[in-house]
Amino acid sequence: MPLPTKVIEIKLDSDTREFTFQPTSAKVKLGQTVKWKSTDGPFVVQMKGAPSPFGNPTIKSGTQGPPYETSGDDAIGNSASPGQYHYAAAINKNGLEISSGCPDLEVS
């Protein structure tokens, strides 16, 4: 039976320009699909370091929205190493905002 898709929501506060992520800690399994989404604007998620648990370390949302979301075909590779992965996110909401303090993605 396939694993359920893990959804990570990215929010950008209009006043403080601070990012929040839900869930604050994402735990996923090898082969599980991860989908990022935001209602605040188109975005990019960039995995830090190498190798990425995904085939492509740069994951982009669509430009149609809200909500803006990834296609949902971003599965953790079965050959990825279990562990903690770090990423950065950028949202284009009346200008580009970048957060490098994103929570970890824990792969088991």
Protein backbone atom coordinates (compact mmCIF):
# COMPACT_ATOMS: atom_id res chain seq x y z
CA MET A 1 0.00 0.00 0.00
CA PRO A 2 1.45 3.43 -0.95
CA LEU A 3 2.42 5.84 1.80
CA PRO A 4 0.24 8.95 2.22
CA THR A 5 1.55 12.19 0.75
CA LYS A 6 3.23 14.46 3.31
CA VAL A 7 2.12 18.08 2.86
CA ILE A 8 4.33 20.91 4.11
CA GLU A 9 2.71 24.34 4.16
CA ILE A 10 4.85 27.47 3.86
CA LYS A 11 3.44 30.77 5.15
CA LEU A 12 4.86 34.28 4.97
CA ASP A 13 3.50 36.91 7.37
CA SER A 14 2.70 40.08 5.41
CA ASP A 15 3.66 42.40 8.26
CA THR A 16 6.73 40.78 9.81
CA ARG A 17 7.92 39.01 6.62
CA GLU A 18 8.66 35.95 8.77
CA PHE A 19 8.17 32.40 7.53
CA THR A 20 6.30 29.64 9.33
CA PHE A 21 6.12 25.99 8.32
CA GLN A 22 3.48 23.39 9.11
CA PRO A 23 4.29 20.88 10.29
CA THR A 24 7.22 22.39 12.16
CA SER A 25 9.04 19.05 11.92
CA ALA A 26 8.46 16.81 8.90
CA LYS A 27 9.13 13.10 9.18
CA VAL A 28 8.94 11.06 5.98
CA LYS A 29 9.83 7.57 4.88
CA LEU A 30 11.82 6.35 1.89
CA GLY A 31 9.54 6.34 -1.15
CA GLN A 32 7.04 8.77 0.39
CA THR A 33 5.85 11.75 -1.68
CA VAL A 34 6.26 15.27 -0.27
CA LYS A 35 4.10 18.15 -1.50
CA TRP A 36 4.84 21.75 -0.54
CA LYS A 37 2.13 24.41 -0.77
CA SER A 38 1.55 28.08 0.07
CA THR A 39 -1.29 30.55 -0.24
CA ASP A 40 1.16 33.47 -0.16
CA GLY A 41 2.75 33.26 -3.60
CA PRO A 42 4.78 31.10 -5.95
CA PHE A 43 7.80 29.58 -4.24
CA VAL A 44 10.98 27.54 -4.58
CA VAL A 45 12.37 24.99 -2.12
CA GLN A 46 16.09 24.31 -2.39
CA MET A 47 17.62 21.34 -0.63
CA LYS A 48 20.93 22.23 1.04
CA GLY A 49 24.00 20.06 0.79
CA ALA A 50 24.38 16.91 -1.21
CA PRO A 51 22.99 14.55 -2.03
CA SER A 52 19.33 15.56 -2.07
CA PRO A 53 16.78 12.92 -1.02
CA PHE A 54 14.83 13.94 -4.13
CA GLY A 55 15.90 13.44 -7.73
CA ASN A 56 16.14 17.22 -8.16
CA PRO A 57 17.33 19.41 -5.26
CA THR A 58 15.30 22.40 -6.55
CA ILE A 59 11.53 22.08 -6.19
CA LYS A 60 9.29 24.79 -7.67
CA SER A 61 5.61 25.50 -7.21
CA GLY A 62 3.27 26.23 -10.04
CA THR A 63 2.51 29.86 -10.82
CA GLN A 64 -1.28 29.45 -10.79
CA GLY A 65 -2.91 29.96 -7.43
CA PRO A 66 -3.57 30.42 -4.65
CA PRO A 67 -2.90 27.88 -3.42
CA TYR A 68 0.50 27.53 -5.04
CA GLU A 69 1.83 24.01 -4.79
CA THR A 70 4.30 21.53 -6.12
CA SER A 71 3.06 18.91 -8.54
CA GLY A 72 3.17 16.22 -5.88
CA ASP A 73 5.56 14.00 -7.81
CA ASP A 74 8.46 14.71 -5.46
CA ALA A 75 9.08 11.33 -3.86
CA ILE A 76 11.91 10.59 -1.48
CA GLY A 77 14.12 8.23 -3.45
CA ASN A 78 14.29 4.65 -2.20
CA SER A 79 18.07 4.93 -2.45
CA ALA A 80 18.22 8.10 -0.29
CA SER A 81 20.09 7.80 2.97
CA PRO A 82 18.01 8.07 6.13
CA GLY A 83 18.83 11.19 8.13
CA GLN A 84 18.19 14.90 8.53
CA TYR A 85 17.98 17.07 5.41
CA HIS A 86 18.01 20.86 5.39
CA TYR A 87 16.35 23.20 2.92
CA ALA A 88 15.75 26.87 2.18
CA ALA A 89 12.56 28.40 0.81
CA ALA A 90 11.79 31.56 -1.15
CA ILE A 91 8.34 33.06 -1.80
CA ASN A 92 7.53 35.79 -4.30
CA LYS A 93 4.96 37.89 -2.42
CA ASN A 94 5.23 41.52 -3.49
CA GLY A 95 8.96 40.92 -3.80
CA LEU A 96 11.19 37.94 -3.15
CA GLU A 97 11.54 36.78 0.46
CA ILE A 98 14.04 34.05 1.40
CA SER A 99 14.14 31.89 4.53
CA SER A 100 17.16 29.78 5.27
CA GLY A 101 15.85 28.82 8.72
CA CYS A 102 13.49 26.12 7.51
CA PRO A 103 12.79 23.07 9.68
CA ASP A 104 14.57 19.80 8.92
CA LEU A 105 13.14 17.05 6.80
CA GLU A 106 13.75 13.77 8.61
CA VAL A 107 13.93 10.69 6.38
CA SER A 108 13.71 7.22 7.88
